[in-house]
Amino acid sequence: MASLMPLRLRDLVVAALEDHKGRDIVVLDVTSLTDITDFMIIVSGTSNRHVKALVDQVVDMAKVQQNPPLGVEGRETYEWVLLDLGDVLVHVMQMATREFYALERLWQPLTADSTTSN
């Protein structure tokens, strides 16, 4: 199984999400924050059916590119589905779930004034 380069995989995922009208696509380069992946992509769907369509689109694209997901979690309700593509993690979330968990905020680099010292 051939593995896609992280930048190429990121671009293919974004294109697949755009093709199915994914909302508020955010790409986070987390290479300096974690060793588990290079990019995190967060996208909103308008309903569980829309989330399912977005997930299916990315899974199909990844398989065609011979880079099938290492794991897919959250298909029970389609409120928040995590696709593990190795170098790219994709969070497909319903809008209310995305607002509640605010993943973008959690993965922002810390600045000197956002840290606390004792």
PDB file of N, CA and C in Angstrom:
ATOM      1  N   MET A   1       0.854  -1.182   0.000  1.00  0.00           N
ATOM      2  CA  MET A   1       0.000   0.000   0.000  1.00  0.00           C
ATOM      3  C   MET A   1       0.898   1.243   0.000  1.00  0.00           C
ATOM      4  N   ALA A   2       0.730   2.074  -0.998  1.00  0.00           N
ATOM      5  CA  ALA A   2       1.502   3.315  -1.092  1.00  0.00           C
ATOM      6  C   ALA A   2       0.865   4.380  -0.207  1.00  0.00           C
ATOM      7  N   SER A   3       1.716   5.179   0.403  1.00  0.00           N
ATOM      8  CA  SER A   3       1.222   6.252   1.264  1.00  0.00           C
ATOM      9  C   SER A   3       1.418   7.583   0.560  1.00  0.00           C
ATOM     10  N   LEU A   4       0.401   8.416   0.594  1.00  0.00           N
ATOM     11  CA  LEU A   4       0.490   9.740  -0.011  1.00  0.00           C
ATOM     12  C   LEU A   4       1.331  10.658   0.863  1.00  0.00           C
ATOM     13  N   MET A   5       1.975  11.617   0.252  1.00  0.00           N
ATOM     14  CA  MET A   5       2.699  12.638   0.996  1.00  0.00           C
ATOM     15  C   MET A   5       1.682  13.453   1.796  1.00  0.00           C
ATOM     16  N   PRO A   6       2.043  13.894   3.006  1.00  0.00           N
ATOM     17  CA  PRO A   6       1.079  14.609   3.860  1.00  0.00           C
ATOM     18  C   PRO A   6       0.419  15.818   3.192  1.00  0.00           C
ATOM     19  N   LEU A   7       1.167  16.634   2.466  1.00  0.00           N
ATOM     20  CA  LEU A   7       0.576  17.822   1.828  1.00  0.00           C
ATOM     21  C   LEU A   7      -0.417  17.429   0.740  1.00  0.00           C
ATOM     22  N   ARG A   8      -0.084  16.420  -0.033  1.00  0.00           N
ATOM     23  CA  ARG A   8      -0.983  15.947  -1.099  1.00  0.00           C
ATOM     24  C   ARG A   8      -2.258  15.361  -0.483  1.00  0.00           C
ATOM     25  N   LEU A   9      -2.107  14.572   0.561  1.00  0.00           N
ATOM     26  CA  LEU A   9      -3.266  13.989   1.232  1.00  0.00           C
ATOM     27  C   LEU A   9      -4.152  15.086   1.808  1.00  0.00           C
ATOM     28  N   ARG A  10      -3.546  16.081   2.463  1.00  0.00           N
ATOM     29  CA  ARG A  10      -4.302  17.224   3.002  1.00  0.00           C
ATOM     30  C   ARG A  10      -5.127  17.886   1.904  1.00  0.00           C
ATOM     31  N   ASP A  11      -4.498  18.159   0.768  1.00  0.00           N
ATOM     32  CA  ASP A  11      -5.182  18.839  -0.334  1.00  0.00           C
ATOM     33  C   ASP A  11      -6.322  17.998  -0.911  1.00  0.00           C
ATOM     34  N   LEU A  12      -6.120  16.685  -1.016  1.00  0.00           N
ATOM     35  CA  LEU A  12      -7.171  15.800  -1.518  1.00  0.00           C
ATOM     36  C   LEU A  12      -8.361  15.745  -0.566  1.00  0.00           C
ATOM     37  N   VAL A  13      -8.085  15.714   0.730  1.00  0.00           N
ATOM     38  CA  VAL A  13      -9.168  15.702   1.721  1.00  0.00           C
ATOM     39  C   VAL A  13      -9.971  16.996   1.626  1.00  0.00           C
ATOM     40  N   VAL A  14      -9.290  18.131   1.574  1.00  0.00           N
ATOM     41  CA  VAL A  14      -9.991  19.424   1.488  1.00  0.00           C
ATOM     42  C   VAL A  14     -10.839  19.470   0.219  1.00  0.00           C
ATOM     43  N   ALA A  15     -10.301  19.011  -0.899  1.00  0.00           N
ATOM     44  CA  ALA A  15     -11.067  19.012  -2.152  1.00  0.00           C
ATOM     45  C   ALA A  15     -12.309  18.124  -2.047  1.00  0.00           C
ATOM     46  N   ALA A  16     -12.171  16.958  -1.418  1.00  0.00           N
ATOM     47  CA  ALA A  16     -13.309  16.052  -1.248  1.00  0.00           C
ATOM     48  C   ALA A  16     -14.387  16.694  -0.375  1.00  0.00           C
ATOM     49  N   LEU A  17     -13.962  17.377   0.682  1.00  0.00           N
ATOM     50  CA  LEU A  17     -14.922  18.045   1.573  1.00  0.00           C
ATOM     51  C   LEU A  17     -15.609  19.209   0.859  1.00  0.00           C
ATOM     52  N   GLU A  18     -14.849  19.961   0.085  1.00  0.00           N
ATOM     53  CA  GLU A  18     -15.437  21.075  -0.673  1.00  0.00           C
ATOM     54  C   GLU A  18     -16.434  20.571  -1.702  1.00  0.00           C
ATOM     55  N   ASP A  19     -16.127  19.434  -2.344  1.00  0.00           N
ATOM     56  CA  ASP A  19     -17.025  18.857  -3.348  1.00  0.00           C
ATOM     57  C   ASP A  19     -18.394  18.518  -2.771  1.00  0.00           C
ATOM     58  N   HIS A  20     -18.442  18.193  -1.488  1.00  0.00           N
ATOM     59  CA  HIS A  20     -19.709  17.837  -0.845  1.00  0.00           C
ATOM     60  C   HIS A  20     -20.198  18.918   0.112  1.00  0.00           C
ATOM     61  N   LYS A  21     -19.760  20.143  -0.165  1.00  0.00           N
ATOM     62  CA  LYS A  21     -20.261  21.326   0.546  1.00  0.00           C
ATOM     63  C   LYS A  21     -20.018  21.310   2.049  1.00  0.00           C
ATOM     64  N   GLY A  22     -18.836  20.799   2.450  1.00  0.00           N
ATOM     65  CA  GLY A  22     -18.445  20.875   3.850  1.00  0.00           C
ATOM     66  C   GLY A  22     -18.339  22.337   4.266  1.00  0.00           C
ATOM     67  N   ARG A  23     -18.754  22.658   5.466  1.00  0.00           N
ATOM     68  CA  ARG A  23     -18.785  24.047   5.934  1.00  0.00           C
ATOM     69  C   ARG A  23     -17.618  24.348   6.870  1.00  0.00           C
ATOM     70  N   ASP A  24     -17.125  25.579   6.745  1.00  0.00           N
ATOM     71  CA  ASP A  24     -16.084  26.094   7.655  1.00  0.00           C
ATOM     72  C   ASP A  24     -14.908  25.134   7.786  1.00  0.00           C
ATOM     73  N   ILE A  25     -14.307  24.777   6.665  1.00  0.00           N
ATOM     74  CA  ILE A  25     -13.164  23.871   6.669  1.00  0.00           C
ATOM     75  C   ILE A  25     -11.950  24.610   7.243  1.00  0.00           C
ATOM     76  N   VAL A  26     -11.357  24.013   8.268  1.00  0.00           N
ATOM     77  CA  VAL A  26     -10.160  24.568   8.897  1.00  0.00           C
ATOM     78  C   VAL A  26      -9.069  23.504   8.846  1.00  0.00           C
ATOM     79  N   VAL A  27      -7.895  23.912   8.380  1.00  0.00           N
ATOM     80  CA  VAL A  27      -6.743  23.019   8.335  1.00  0.00           C
ATOM     81  C   VAL A  27      -5.724  23.525   9.345  1.00  0.00           C
ATOM     82  N   LEU A  28      -5.361  22.667  10.286  1.00  0.00           N
ATOM     83  CA  LEU A  28      -4.374  23.016  11.303  1.00  0.00           C
ATOM     84  C   LEU A  28      -3.096  22.220  11.068  1.00  0.00           C
ATOM     85  N   ASP A  29      -1.986  22.915  10.930  1.00  0.00           N
ATOM     86  CA  ASP A  29      -0.686  22.266  10.840  1.00  0.00           C
ATOM     87  C   ASP A  29      -0.221  22.035  12.273  1.00  0.00           C
ATOM     88  N   VAL A  30      -0.218  20.785  12.698  1.00  0.00           N
ATOM     89  CA  VAL A  30       0.108  20.462  14.094  1.00  0.00           C
ATOM     90  C   VAL A  30       1.449  19.748  14.218  1.00  0.00           C
ATOM     91  N   THR A  31       2.284  19.872  13.203  1.00  0.00           N
ATOM     92  CA  THR A  31       3.570  19.172  13.225  1.00  0.00           C
ATOM     93  C   THR A  31       4.441  19.593  14.400  1.00  0.00           C
ATOM     94  N   SER A  32       4.344  20.851  14.820  1.00  0.00           N
ATOM     95  CA  SER A  32       5.169  21.306  15.945  1.00  0.00           C
ATOM     96  C   SER A  32       4.496  21.065  17.298  1.00  0.00           C
ATOM     97  N   LEU A  33       3.242  20.588  17.279  1.00  0.00           N
ATOM     98  CA  LEU A  33       2.492  20.398  18.517  1.00  0.00           C
ATOM     99  C   LEU A  33       2.356  18.938  18.939  1.00  0.00           C
ATOM    100  N   THR A  34       2.463  18.010  17.977  1.00  0.00           N
ATOM    101  CA  THR A  34       2.267  16.592  18.288  1.00  0.00           C
ATOM    102  C   THR A  34       3.002  15.725  17.275  1.00  0.00           C
ATOM    103  N   ASP A  35       3.311  14.511  17.687  1.00  0.00           N
ATOM    104  CA  ASP A  35       3.948  13.546  16.796  1.00  0.00           C
ATOM    105  C   ASP A  35       2.935  12.602  16.146  1.00  0.00           C
ATOM    106  N   ILE A  36       1.664  12.692  16.541  1.00  0.00           N
ATOM    107  CA  ILE A  36       0.683  11.712  16.065  1.00  0.00           C
ATOM    108  C   ILE A  36       0.211  11.967  14.639  1.00  0.00           C
ATOM    109  N   THR A  37       0.312  13.206  14.153  1.00  0.00           N
ATOM    110  CA  THR A  37      -0.155  13.528  12.810  1.00  0.00           C
ATOM    111  C   THR A  37       0.476  14.842  12.373  1.00  0.00           C
ATOM    112  N   ASP A  38       0.376  15.142  11.092  1.00  0.00           N
ATOM    113  CA  ASP A  38       0.894  16.410  10.574  1.00  0.00           C
ATOM    114  C   ASP A  38      -0.197  17.472  10.463  1.00  0.00           C
ATOM    115  N   PHE A  39      -1.384  17.041  10.043  1.00  0.00           N
ATOM    116  CA  PHE A  39      -2.479  17.987   9.839  1.00  0.00           C
ATOM    117  C   PHE A  39      -3.754  17.482  10.486  1.00  0.00           C
ATOM    118  N   MET A  40      -4.513  18.419  11.015  1.00  0.00           N
ATOM    119  CA  MET A  40      -5.850  18.158  11.504  1.00  0.00           C
ATOM    120  C   MET A  40      -6.796  19.006  10.663  1.00  0.00           C
ATOM    121  N   ILE A  41      -7.806  18.373  10.137  1.00  0.00           N
ATOM    122  CA  ILE A  41      -8.811  19.086   9.349  1.00  0.00           C
ATOM    123  C   ILE A  41     -10.124  18.979  10.098  1.00  0.00           C
ATOM    124  N   ILE A  42     -10.768  20.126  10.282  1.00  0.00           N
ATOM    125  CA  ILE A  42     -12.052  20.175  10.978  1.00  0.00           C
ATOM    126  C   ILE A  42     -13.060  20.756  10.008  1.00  0.00           C
ATOM    127  N   VAL A  43     -14.212  20.107   9.910  1.00  0.00           N
ATOM    128  CA  VAL A  43     -15.255  20.546   8.979  1.00  0.00           C
ATOM    129  C   VAL A  43     -16.617  20.297   9.614  1.00  0.00           C
ATOM    130  N   SER A  44     -17.566  21.151   9.279  1.00  0.00           N
ATOM    131  CA  SER A  44     -18.927  21.001   9.787  1.00  0.00           C
ATOM    132  C   SER A  44     -19.851  20.473   8.702  1.00  0.00           C
ATOM    133  N   GLY A  45     -20.803  19.655   9.160  1.00  0.00           N
ATOM    134  CA  GLY A  45     -21.912  19.219   8.326  1.00  0.00           C
ATOM    135  C   GLY A  45     -23.194  19.754   8.930  1.00  0.00           C
ATOM    136  N   THR A  46     -24.206  19.924   8.115  1.00  0.00           N
ATOM    137  CA  THR A  46     -25.447  20.544   8.576  1.00  0.00           C
ATOM    138  C   THR A  46     -26.395  19.578   9.276  1.00  0.00           C
ATOM    139  N   SER A  47     -26.166  18.279   9.132  1.00  0.00           N
ATOM    140  CA  SER A  47     -27.027  17.250   9.741  1.00  0.00           C
ATOM    141  C   SER A  47     -26.235  15.952   9.799  1.00  0.00           C
ATOM    142  N   ASN A  48     -26.807  14.931  10.443  1.00  0.00           N
ATOM    143  CA  ASN A  48     -26.098  13.660  10.479  1.00  0.00           C
ATOM    144  C   ASN A  48     -25.975  13.054   9.077  1.00  0.00           C
ATOM    145  N   ARG A  49     -26.944  13.299   8.211  1.00  0.00           N
ATOM    146  CA  ARG A  49     -26.858  12.808   6.827  1.00  0.00           C
ATOM    147  C   ARG A  49     -25.750  13.514   6.063  1.00  0.00           C
ATOM    148  N   HIS A  50     -25.588  14.823   6.298  1.00  0.00           N
ATOM    149  CA  HIS A  50     -24.523  15.579   5.641  1.00  0.00           C
ATOM    150  C   HIS A  50     -23.161  15.121   6.162  1.00  0.00           C
ATOM    151  N   VAL A  51     -23.042  14.910   7.469  1.00  0.00           N
ATOM    152  CA  VAL A  51     -21.792  14.404   8.043  1.00  0.00           C
ATOM    153  C   VAL A  51     -21.459  13.053   7.417  1.00  0.00           C
ATOM    154  N   LYS A  52     -22.444  12.171   7.311  1.00  0.00           N
ATOM    155  CA  LYS A  52     -22.229  10.857   6.701  1.00  0.00           C
ATOM    156  C   LYS A  52     -21.730  10.996   5.271  1.00  0.00           C
ATOM    157  N   ALA A  53     -22.346  11.887   4.495  1.00  0.00           N
ATOM    158  CA  ALA A  53     -21.935  12.090   3.092  1.00  0.00           C
ATOM    159  C   ALA A  53     -20.490  12.592   3.018  1.00  0.00           C
ATOM    160  N   LEU A  54     -20.120  13.511   3.910  1.00  0.00           N
ATOM    161  CA  LEU A  54     -18.753  14.029   3.930  1.00  0.00           C
ATOM    162  C   LEU A  54     -17.756  12.920   4.280  1.00  0.00           C
ATOM    163  N   VAL A  55     -18.088  12.127   5.292  1.00  0.00           N
ATOM    164  CA  VAL A  55     -17.227  11.022   5.704  1.00  0.00           C
ATOM    165  C   VAL A  55     -17.071  10.019   4.562  1.00  0.00           C
ATOM    166  N   ASP A  56     -18.188   9.636   3.950  1.00  0.00           N
ATOM    167  CA  ASP A  56     -18.140   8.669   2.847  1.00  0.00           C
ATOM    168  C   ASP A  56     -17.291   9.187   1.692  1.00  0.00           C
ATOM    169  N   GLN A  57     -17.394  10.474   1.393  1.00  0.00           N
ATOM    170  CA  GLN A  57     -16.622  11.074   0.306  1.00  0.00           C
ATOM    171  C   GLN A  57     -15.121  10.986   0.587  1.00  0.00           C
ATOM    172  N   VAL A  58     -14.721  11.311   1.805  1.00  0.00           N
ATOM    173  CA  VAL A  58     -13.296  11.262   2.158  1.00  0.00           C
ATOM    174  C   VAL A  58     -12.800   9.818   2.172  1.00  0.00           C
ATOM    175  N   VAL A  59     -13.579   8.908   2.723  1.00  0.00           N
ATOM    176  CA  VAL A  59     -13.184   7.493   2.752  1.00  0.00           C
ATOM    177  C   VAL A  59     -13.016   6.960   1.332  1.00  0.00           C
ATOM    178  N   ASP A  60     -13.974   7.267   0.453  1.00  0.00           N
ATOM    179  CA  ASP A  60     -13.891   6.807  -0.939  1.00  0.00           C
ATOM    180  C   ASP A  60     -12.657   7.376  -1.637  1.00  0.00           C
ATOM    181  N   MET A  61     -12.384   8.668  -1.454  1.00  0.00           N
ATOM    182  CA  MET A  61     -11.214   9.303  -2.064  1.00  0.00           C
ATOM    183  C   MET A  61      -9.940   8.633  -1.563  1.00  0.00           C
ATOM    184  N   ALA A  62      -9.872   8.401  -0.252  1.00  0.00           N
ATOM    185  CA  ALA A  62      -8.671   7.807   0.323  1.00  0.00           C
ATOM    186  C   ALA A  62      -8.429   6.395  -0.228  1.00  0.00           C
ATOM    187  N   LYS A  63      -9.489   5.623  -0.370  1.00  0.00           N
ATOM    188  CA  LYS A  63      -9.353   4.275  -0.925  1.00  0.00           C
ATOM    189  C   LYS A  63      -8.887   4.310  -2.374  1.00  0.00           C
ATOM    190  N   VAL A  64      -9.445   5.218  -3.175  1.00  0.00           N
ATOM    191  CA  VAL A  64      -9.037   5.360  -4.571  1.00  0.00           C
ATOM    192  C   VAL A  64      -7.555   5.716  -4.658  1.00  0.00           C
ATOM    193  N   GLN A  65      -7.082   6.513  -3.719  1.00  0.00           N
ATOM    194  CA  GLN A  65      -5.678   6.933  -3.689  1.00  0.00           C
ATOM    195  C   GLN A  65      -4.783   5.891  -3.008  1.00  0.00           C
ATOM    196  N   GLN A  66      -5.326   4.731  -2.716  1.00  0.00           N
ATOM    197  CA  GLN A  66      -4.623   3.644  -2.043  1.00  0.00           C
ATOM    198  C   GLN A  66      -4.047   4.090  -0.690  1.00  0.00           C
ATOM    199  N   ASN A  67      -4.854   4.889   0.013  1.00  0.00           N
ATOM    200  CA  ASN A  67      -4.489   5.375   1.349  1.00  0.00           C
ATOM    201  C   ASN A  67      -5.721   5.247   2.254  1.00  0.00           C
ATOM    202  N   PRO A  68      -6.248   4.016   2.416  1.00  0.00           N
ATOM    203  CA  PRO A  68      -7.483   3.846   3.182  1.00  0.00           C
ATOM    204  C   PRO A  68      -7.314   4.292   4.630  1.00  0.00           C
ATOM    205  N   PRO A  69      -8.395   4.693   5.267  1.00  0.00           N
ATOM    206  CA  PRO A  69      -8.318   5.127   6.665  1.00  0.00           C
ATOM    207  C   PRO A  69      -7.771   4.029   7.567  1.00  0.00           C
ATOM    208  N   LEU A  70      -6.987   4.447   8.548  1.00  0.00           N
ATOM    209  CA  LEU A  70      -6.504   3.525   9.569  1.00  0.00           C
ATOM    210  C   LEU A  70      -7.613   3.239  10.576  1.00  0.00           C
ATOM    211  N   GLY A  71      -8.559   4.180  10.688  1.00  0.00           N
ATOM    212  CA  GLY A  71      -9.677   4.018  11.594  1.00  0.00           C
ATOM    213  C   GLY A  71     -10.736   5.071  11.345  1.00  0.00           C
ATOM    214  N   VAL A  72     -11.967   4.729  11.660  1.00  0.00           N
ATOM    215  CA  VAL A  72     -13.098   5.652  11.567  1.00  0.00           C
ATOM    216  C   VAL A  72     -13.925   5.452  12.823  1.00  0.00           C
ATOM    217  N   GLU A  73     -14.099   6.515  13.594  1.00  0.00           N
ATOM    218  CA  GLU A  73     -14.859   6.445  14.844  1.00  0.00           C
ATOM    219  C   GLU A  73     -16.019   7.436  14.807  1.00  0.00           C
ATOM    220  N   GLY A  74     -17.176   7.035  15.332  1.00  0.00           N
ATOM    221  CA  GLY A  74     -18.299   7.946  15.466  1.00  0.00           C
ATOM    222  C   GLY A  74     -19.430   7.733  14.478  1.00  0.00           C
ATOM    223  N   ARG A  75     -19.402   6.631  13.770  1.00  0.00           N
ATOM    224  CA  ARG A  75     -20.453   6.388  12.770  1.00  0.00           C
ATOM    225  C   ARG A  75     -21.799   6.012  13.391  1.00  0.00           C
ATOM    226  N   GLU A  76     -21.831   5.802  14.701  1.00  0.00           N
ATOM    227  CA  GLU A  76     -23.094   5.415  15.335  1.00  0.00           C
ATOM    228  C   GLU A  76     -24.142   6.525  15.225  1.00  0.00           C
ATOM    229  N   THR A  77     -23.731   7.760  15.441  1.00  0.00           N
ATOM    230  CA  THR A  77     -24.688   8.879  15.434  1.00  0.00           C
ATOM    231  C   THR A  77     -24.391   9.934  14.380  1.00  0.00           C
ATOM    232  N   TYR A  78     -23.178   9.940  13.852  1.00  0.00           N
ATOM    233  CA  TYR A  78     -22.734  10.954  12.888  1.00  0.00           C
ATOM    234  C   TYR A  78     -22.842  12.373  13.448  1.00  0.00           C
ATOM    235  N   GLU A  79     -22.613  12.521  14.744  1.00  0.00           N
ATOM    236  CA  GLU A  79     -22.503  13.860  15.329  1.00  0.00           C
ATOM    237  C   GLU A  79     -21.066  14.348  15.209  1.00  0.00           C
ATOM    238  N   TRP A  80     -20.124  13.423  15.429  1.00  0.00           N
ATOM    239  CA  TRP A  80     -18.694  13.731  15.333  1.00  0.00           C
ATOM    240  C   TRP A  80     -18.015  12.463  14.862  1.00  0.00           C
ATOM    241  N   VAL A  81     -17.452  12.508  13.670  1.00  0.00           N
ATOM    242  CA  VAL A  81     -16.747  11.354  13.128  1.00  0.00           C
ATOM    243  C   VAL A  81     -15.280  11.726  12.968  1.00  0.00           C
ATOM    244  N   LEU A  82     -14.416  10.859  13.469  1.00  0.00           N
ATOM    245  CA  LEU A  82     -12.977  11.044  13.342  1.00  0.00           C
ATOM    246  C   LEU A  82     -12.449  10.037  12.330  1.00  0.00           C
ATOM    247  N   LEU A  83     -11.790  10.569  11.298  1.00  0.00           N
ATOM    248  CA  LEU A  83     -11.143   9.736  10.288  1.00  0.00           C
ATOM    249  C   LEU A  83      -9.641   9.830  10.491  1.00  0.00           C
ATOM    250  N   ASP A  84      -8.997   8.699  10.701  1.00  0.00           N
ATOM    251  CA  ASP A  84      -7.551   8.663  10.869  1.00  0.00           C
ATOM    252  C   ASP A  84      -6.929   8.217   9.557  1.00  0.00           C
ATOM    253  N   LEU A  85      -6.295   9.163   8.870  1.00  0.00           N
ATOM    254  CA  LEU A  85      -5.618   8.856   7.616  1.00  0.00           C
ATOM    255  C   LEU A  85      -4.101   8.857   7.808  1.00  0.00           C
ATOM    256  N   GLY A  86      -3.662   8.726   9.038  1.00  0.00           N
ATOM    257  CA  GLY A  86      -2.232   8.724   9.327  1.00  0.00           C
ATOM    258  C   GLY A  86      -1.698  10.142   9.468  1.00  0.00           C
ATOM    259  N   ASP A  87      -1.180  10.685   8.391  1.00  0.00           N
ATOM    260  CA  ASP A  87      -0.618  12.041   8.415  1.00  0.00           C
ATOM    261  C   ASP A  87      -1.679  13.123   8.499  1.00  0.00           C
ATOM    262  N   VAL A  88      -2.942  12.747   8.309  1.00  0.00           N
ATOM    263  CA  VAL A  88      -4.051  13.695   8.373  1.00  0.00           C
ATOM    264  C   VAL A  88      -5.177  13.083   9.208  1.00  0.00           C
ATOM    265  N   LEU A  89      -5.610  13.828  10.232  1.00  0.00           N
ATOM    266  CA  LEU A  89      -6.796  13.451  11.004  1.00  0.00           C
ATOM    267  C   LEU A  89      -7.925  14.375  10.580  1.00  0.00           C
ATOM    268  N   VAL A  90      -9.090  13.815  10.322  1.00  0.00           N
ATOM    269  CA  VAL A  90     -10.232  14.608   9.865  1.00  0.00           C
ATOM    270  C   VAL A  90     -11.350  14.490  10.886  1.00  0.00           C
ATOM    271  N   HIS A  91     -11.789  15.639  11.407  1.00  0.00           N
ATOM    272  CA  HIS A  91     -12.913  15.703  12.333  1.00  0.00           C
ATOM    273  C   HIS A  91     -14.097  16.264  11.554  1.00  0.00           C
ATOM    274  N   VAL A  92     -15.120  15.433  11.339  1.00  0.00           N
ATOM    275  CA  VAL A  92     -16.336  15.868  10.647  1.00  0.00           C
ATOM    276  C   VAL A  92     -17.415  15.950  11.718  1.00  0.00           C
ATOM    277  N   MET A  93     -17.919  17.163  11.944  1.00  0.00           N
ATOM    278  CA  MET A  93     -18.799  17.384  13.088  1.00  0.00           C
ATOM    279  C   MET A  93     -20.053  18.143  12.688  1.00  0.00           C
ATOM    280  N   GLN A  94     -21.154  17.831  13.384  1.00  0.00           N
ATOM    281  CA  GLN A  94     -22.321  18.693  13.256  1.00  0.00           C
ATOM    282  C   GLN A  94     -21.978  20.030  13.912  1.00  0.00           C
ATOM    283  N   MET A  95     -22.612  21.082  13.454  1.00  0.00           N
ATOM    284  CA  MET A  95     -22.235  22.428  13.882  1.00  0.00           C
ATOM    285  C   MET A  95     -22.316  22.631  15.395  1.00  0.00           C
ATOM    286  N   ALA A  96     -23.374  22.152  16.028  1.00  0.00           N
ATOM    287  CA  ALA A  96     -23.512  22.332  17.486  1.00  0.00           C
ATOM    288  C   ALA A  96     -22.409  21.599  18.243  1.00  0.00           C
ATOM    289  N   THR A  97     -22.053  20.417  17.782  1.00  0.00           N
ATOM    290  CA  THR A  97     -20.983  19.640  18.413  1.00  0.00           C
ATOM    291  C   THR A  97     -19.649  20.361  18.252  1.00  0.00           C
ATOM    292  N   ARG A  98     -19.418  20.900  17.074  1.00  0.00           N
ATOM    293  CA  ARG A  98     -18.170  21.629  16.826  1.00  0.00           C
ATOM    294  C   ARG A  98     -18.062  22.867  17.714  1.00  0.00           C
ATOM    295  N   GLU A  99     -19.158  23.591  17.839  1.00  0.00           N
ATOM    296  CA  GLU A  99     -19.148  24.776  18.705  1.00  0.00           C
ATOM    297  C   GLU A  99     -18.870  24.386  20.158  1.00  0.00           C
ATOM    298  N   PHE A 100     -19.460  23.304  20.612  1.00  0.00           N
ATOM    299  CA  PHE A 100     -19.305  22.879  22.003  1.00  0.00           C
ATOM    300  C   PHE A 100     -17.855  22.493  22.316  1.00  0.00           C
ATOM    301  N   TYR A 101     -17.223  21.705  21.451  1.00  0.00           N
ATOM    302  CA  TYR A 101     -15.877  21.205  21.739  1.00  0.00           C
ATOM    303  C   TYR A 101     -14.765  22.169  21.333  1.00  0.00           C
ATOM    304  N   ALA A 102     -14.998  23.054  20.397  1.00  0.00           N
ATOM    305  CA  ALA A 102     -14.044  24.104  20.004  1.00  0.00           C
ATOM    306  C   ALA A 102     -12.625  23.564  19.811  1.00  0.00           C
ATOM    307  N   LEU A 103     -12.481  22.549  18.965  1.00  0.00           N
ATOM    308  CA  LEU A 103     -11.170  21.937  18.744  1.00  0.00           C
ATOM    309  C   LEU A 103     -10.128  22.921  18.214  1.00  0.00           C
ATOM    310  N   GLU A 104     -10.550  23.850  17.383  1.00  0.00           N
ATOM    311  CA  GLU A 104      -9.592  24.821  16.842  1.00  0.00           C
ATOM    312  C   GLU A 104      -8.885  25.555  17.979  1.00  0.00           C
ATOM    313  N   ARG A 105      -9.652  25.926  18.981  1.00  0.00           N
ATOM    314  CA  ARG A 105      -9.084  26.654  20.122  1.00  0.00           C
ATOM    315  C   ARG A 105      -8.126  25.767  20.916  1.00  0.00           C
ATOM    316  N   LEU A 106      -8.467  24.496  21.064  1.00  0.00           N
ATOM    317  CA  LEU A 106      -7.615  23.578  21.819  1.00  0.00           C
ATOM    318  C   LEU A 106      -6.258  23.358  21.168  1.00  0.00           C
ATOM    319  N   TRP A 107      -6.196  23.439  19.841  1.00  0.00           N
ATOM    320  CA  TRP A 107      -4.956  23.148  19.126  1.00  0.00           C
ATOM    321  C   TRP A 107      -4.182  24.388  18.705  1.00  0.00           C
ATOM    322  N   GLN A 108      -4.612  25.558  19.130  1.00  0.00           N
ATOM    323  CA  GLN A 108      -3.841  26.757  18.833  1.00  0.00           C
ATOM    324  C   GLN A 108      -2.577  26.752  19.679  1.00  0.00           C
ATOM    325  N   PRO A 109      -1.468  27.206  19.112  1.00  0.00           N
ATOM    326  CA  PRO A 109      -0.245  27.274  19.921  1.00  0.00           C
ATOM    327  C   PRO A 109      -0.433  28.226  21.097  1.00  0.00           C
ATOM    328  N   LEU A 110       0.134  27.870  22.236  1.00  0.00           N
ATOM    329  CA  LEU A 110       0.054  28.722  23.411  1.00  0.00           C
ATOM    330  C   LEU A 110       0.947  29.939  23.239  1.00  0.00           C
ATOM    331  N   THR A 111       0.480  31.080  23.647  1.00  0.00           N
ATOM    332  CA  THR A 111       1.299  32.276  23.644  1.00  0.00           C
ATOM    333  C   THR A 111       1.706  32.573  25.081  1.00  0.00           C
ATOM    334  N   ALA A 112       2.660  33.449  25.270  1.00  0.00           N
ATOM    335  CA  ALA A 112       3.178  33.761  26.600  1.00  0.00           C
ATOM    336  C   ALA A 112       2.074  34.253  27.541  1.00  0.00           C
ATOM    337  N   ASP A 113       1.126  35.034  27.017  1.00  0.00           N
ATOM    338  CA  ASP A 113       0.073  35.557  27.885  1.00  0.00           C
ATOM    339  C   ASP A 113      -1.082  34.589  28.092  1.00  0.00           C
ATOM    340  N   SER A 114      -1.085  33.440  27.404  1.00  0.00           N
ATOM    341  CA  SER A 114      -2.172  32.484  27.613  1.00  0.00           C
ATOM    342  C   SER A 114      -1.753  31.372  28.576  1.00  0.00           C
ATOM    343  N   THR A 115      -0.525  31.397  29.030  1.00  0.00           N
ATOM    344  CA  THR A 115      -0.063  30.406  30.004  1.00  0.00           C
ATOM    345  C   THR A 115      -0.119  31.005  31.387  1.00  0.00           C
ATOM    346  N   THR A 116      -0.264  30.152  32.341  1.00  0.00           N
ATOM    347  CA  THR A 116      -0.293  30.644  33.728  1.00  0.00           C
ATOM    348  C   THR A 116       0.928  30.104  34.455  1.00  0.00           C
ATOM    349  N   SER A 117       1.435  30.883  35.345  1.00  0.00           N
ATOM    350  CA  SER A 117       2.563  30.427  36.157  1.00  0.00           C
ATOM    351  C   SER A 117       2.185  30.528  37.619  1.00  0.00           C
ATOM    352  N   ASN A 118       2.728  29.616  38.399  1.00  0.00           N
ATOM    353  CA  ASN A 118       2.427  29.606  39.842  1.00  0.00           C
ATOM    354  C   ASN A 118       3.532  30.228  40.630  1.00  0.00           C
TER     355      ASN A 118
END
